[in-house]
Amino acid sequence: MTPSASKKLDISLLNKTLFRLALPRLVLRSVVVLICVILWIMVAQWILAFGAKQDYCFLSNVIQLT
């Protein structure tokens, strides 16, 4: 095996090992981001639903007064 080939093999093994070591943390981060996105969407829907239920007729009176 040539020195460059063994160097490539070492780099490959190190990359695989580091990836395996980092995988649980990457999965945890992905799950947390996914949960945050889902919560963000739910809160946005709740806010929009609340706004849709409001009666905005009083605004026409305010506009006429100005």
N, C-alpha and C. Protein backbone atom coordinates (compact mmCIF):
# COMPACT_ATOMS: atom_id res chain seq x y z
N MET A 1 0.85 -1.17 0.00
CA MET A 1 0.00 0.00 0.00
C MET A 1 0.90 1.24 0.00
N THR A 2 0.58 2.16 -0.86
CA THR A 2 1.39 3.38 -0.96
C THR A 2 1.06 4.31 0.20
N PRO A 3 1.94 5.23 0.50
CA PRO A 3 1.68 6.16 1.61
C PRO A 3 0.41 7.00 1.41
N SER A 4 0.15 7.41 0.17
CA SER A 4 -1.05 8.22 -0.06
C SER A 4 -2.31 7.37 0.09
N ALA A 5 -2.24 6.10 -0.31
CA ALA A 5 -3.39 5.21 -0.16
C ALA A 5 -3.68 4.94 1.31
N SER A 6 -2.62 4.73 2.09
CA SER A 6 -2.84 4.49 3.52
C SER A 6 -3.35 5.76 4.21
N LYS A 7 -2.89 6.91 3.73
CA LYS A 7 -3.37 8.18 4.28
C LYS A 7 -4.86 8.36 3.99
N LYS A 8 -5.28 8.02 2.77
CA LYS A 8 -6.69 8.11 2.41
C LYS A 8 -7.53 7.16 3.25
N LEU A 9 -6.99 5.95 3.48
CA LEU A 9 -7.70 4.97 4.31
C LEU A 9 -7.83 5.48 5.74
N ASP A 10 -6.76 6.06 6.27
CA ASP A 10 -6.80 6.61 7.62
C ASP A 10 -7.83 7.74 7.73
N ILE A 11 -7.84 8.60 6.73
CA ILE A 11 -8.80 9.71 6.73
C ILE A 11 -10.23 9.16 6.68
N SER A 12 -10.43 8.16 5.85
CA SER A 12 -11.76 7.56 5.73
C SER A 12 -12.19 6.93 7.05
N LEU A 13 -11.29 6.21 7.69
CA LEU A 13 -11.62 5.58 8.97
C LEU A 13 -11.90 6.63 10.05
N LEU A 14 -11.11 7.69 10.06
CA LEU A 14 -11.36 8.76 11.03
C LEU A 14 -12.70 9.44 10.78
N ASN A 15 -13.02 9.69 9.52
CA ASN A 15 -14.31 10.30 9.20
C ASN A 15 -15.48 9.42 9.65
N LYS A 16 -15.38 8.13 9.37
CA LYS A 16 -16.44 7.21 9.77
C LYS A 16 -16.57 7.14 11.29
N THR A 17 -15.44 7.10 11.98
CA THR A 17 -15.47 7.03 13.44
C THR A 17 -16.06 8.31 14.03
N LEU A 18 -15.62 9.45 13.54
CA LEU A 18 -16.16 10.71 14.04
C LEU A 18 -17.65 10.85 13.75
N PHE A 19 -18.07 10.38 12.58
CA PHE A 19 -19.49 10.44 12.25
C PHE A 19 -20.30 9.56 13.19
N ARG A 20 -19.80 8.35 13.47
CA ARG A 20 -20.51 7.46 14.39
C ARG A 20 -20.58 8.05 15.80
N LEU A 21 -19.53 8.73 16.20
CA LEU A 21 -19.53 9.36 17.52
C LEU A 21 -20.48 10.55 17.58
N ALA A 22 -20.59 11.27 16.49
CA ALA A 22 -21.43 12.47 16.46
C ALA A 22 -22.88 12.18 16.11
N LEU A 23 -23.17 10.99 15.63
CA LEU A 23 -24.51 10.66 15.15
C LEU A 23 -25.61 10.86 16.21
N PRO A 24 -25.44 10.40 17.44
CA PRO A 24 -26.53 10.64 18.42
C PRO A 24 -26.82 12.12 18.64
N ARG A 25 -25.80 12.92 18.69
CA ARG A 25 -26.00 14.36 18.89
C ARG A 25 -26.67 14.98 17.66
N LEU A 26 -26.30 14.53 16.47
CA LEU A 26 -26.93 15.04 15.25
C LEU A 26 -28.40 14.67 15.20
N VAL A 27 -28.71 13.44 15.60
CA VAL A 27 -30.10 13.00 15.62
C VAL A 27 -30.89 13.82 16.64
N LEU A 28 -30.31 14.03 17.81
CA LEU A 28 -30.99 14.83 18.83
C LEU A 28 -31.24 16.25 18.34
N ARG A 29 -30.27 16.84 17.71
CA ARG A 29 -30.45 18.20 17.17
C ARG A 29 -31.54 18.23 16.12
N SER A 30 -31.57 17.21 15.26
CA SER A 30 -32.60 17.15 14.22
C SER A 30 -33.99 17.03 14.83
N VAL A 31 -34.11 16.21 15.87
CA VAL A 31 -35.40 16.03 16.53
C VAL A 31 -35.84 17.33 17.19
N VAL A 32 -34.92 18.02 17.85
CA VAL A 32 -35.26 19.29 18.50
C VAL A 32 -35.69 20.32 17.47
N VAL A 33 -34.99 20.40 16.35
CA VAL A 33 -35.36 21.35 15.30
C VAL A 33 -36.73 21.00 14.73
N LEU A 34 -36.99 19.72 14.53
CA LEU A 34 -38.28 19.29 14.00
C LEU A 34 -39.41 19.64 14.97
N ILE A 35 -39.20 19.41 16.25
CA ILE A 35 -40.21 19.75 17.25
C ILE A 35 -40.45 21.26 17.27
N CYS A 36 -39.39 22.04 17.18
CA CYS A 36 -39.54 23.50 17.17
C CYS A 36 -40.31 23.97 15.95
N VAL A 37 -40.06 23.39 14.81
CA VAL A 37 -40.78 23.77 13.59
C VAL A 37 -42.26 23.42 13.72
N ILE A 38 -42.55 22.24 14.26
CA ILE A 38 -43.95 21.84 14.44
C ILE A 38 -44.65 22.78 15.41
N LEU A 39 -43.99 23.11 16.52
CA LEU A 39 -44.59 24.05 17.48
C LEU A 39 -44.79 25.43 16.87
N TRP A 40 -43.82 25.87 16.08
CA TRP A 40 -43.92 27.19 15.43
C TRP A 40 -45.15 27.23 14.51
N ILE A 41 -45.34 26.17 13.74
CA ILE A 41 -46.48 26.10 12.82
C ILE A 41 -47.79 26.07 13.60
N MET A 42 -47.83 25.30 14.70
CA MET A 42 -49.04 25.23 15.50
C MET A 42 -49.39 26.58 16.11
N VAL A 43 -48.41 27.28 16.64
CA VAL A 43 -48.65 28.60 17.23
C VAL A 43 -49.12 29.58 16.16
N ALA A 44 -48.52 29.52 14.99
CA ALA A 44 -48.94 30.40 13.89
C ALA A 44 -50.38 30.12 13.50
N GLN A 45 -50.77 28.85 13.46
CA GLN A 45 -52.15 28.50 13.13
C GLN A 45 -53.11 28.99 14.21
N TRP A 46 -52.71 28.86 15.47
CA TRP A 46 -53.56 29.35 16.56
C TRP A 46 -53.75 30.86 16.47
N ILE A 47 -52.68 31.57 16.18
CA ILE A 47 -52.77 33.03 16.07
C ILE A 47 -53.67 33.42 14.90
N LEU A 48 -53.51 32.75 13.76
CA LEU A 48 -54.35 33.06 12.60
C LEU A 48 -55.81 32.71 12.86
N ALA A 49 -56.06 31.60 13.55
CA ALA A 49 -57.44 31.22 13.87
C ALA A 49 -58.06 32.23 14.83
N PHE A 50 -57.28 32.69 15.80
CA PHE A 50 -57.78 33.71 16.73
C PHE A 50 -58.11 35.00 15.98
N GLY A 51 -57.25 35.40 15.06
CA GLY A 51 -57.50 36.61 14.27
C GLY A 51 -58.71 36.47 13.38
N ALA A 52 -58.96 35.27 12.87
CA ALA A 52 -60.11 35.05 12.01
C ALA A 52 -61.42 35.13 12.79
N LYS A 53 -61.38 34.83 14.08
CA LYS A 53 -62.59 34.86 14.91
C LYS A 53 -62.94 36.26 15.39
N GLN A 54 -62.03 37.19 15.28
CA GLN A 54 -62.25 38.54 15.80
C GLN A 54 -63.19 39.33 14.90
N ASP A 55 -63.90 40.24 15.51
CA ASP A 55 -64.81 41.12 14.78
C ASP A 55 -64.11 42.46 14.59
N TYR A 56 -63.89 42.81 13.35
CA TYR A 56 -63.14 44.02 13.03
C TYR A 56 -64.05 45.15 12.56
N CYS A 57 -65.33 45.07 12.83
CA CYS A 57 -66.27 46.11 12.39
C CYS A 57 -65.99 47.45 13.06
N PHE A 58 -65.47 47.42 14.27
CA PHE A 58 -65.20 48.67 14.98
C PHE A 58 -64.14 49.50 14.27
N LEU A 59 -63.34 48.89 13.43
CA LEU A 59 -62.30 49.63 12.73
C LEU A 59 -62.90 50.61 11.71
N SER A 60 -64.04 50.27 11.13
CA SER A 60 -64.66 51.20 10.18
C SER A 60 -65.10 52.48 10.89
N ASN A 61 -65.54 52.36 12.14
CA ASN A 61 -65.91 53.55 12.91
C ASN A 61 -64.68 54.40 13.22
N VAL A 62 -63.59 53.77 13.51
CA VAL A 62 -62.36 54.49 13.82
C VAL A 62 -61.86 55.22 12.58
N ILE A 63 -61.97 54.58 11.44
CA ILE A 63 -61.51 55.21 10.19
C ILE A 63 -62.39 56.41 9.85
N GLN A 64 -63.69 56.32 10.08
CA GLN A 64 -64.59 57.43 9.78
C GLN A 64 -64.35 58.62 10.69
N LEU A 65 -63.89 58.36 11.91
CA LEU A 65 -63.64 59.46 12.85
C LEU A 65 -62.38 60.24 12.50
N THR A 66 -61.46 59.65 11.80
CA THR A 66 -60.20 60.34 11.51
C THR A 66 -60.26 61.13 10.25
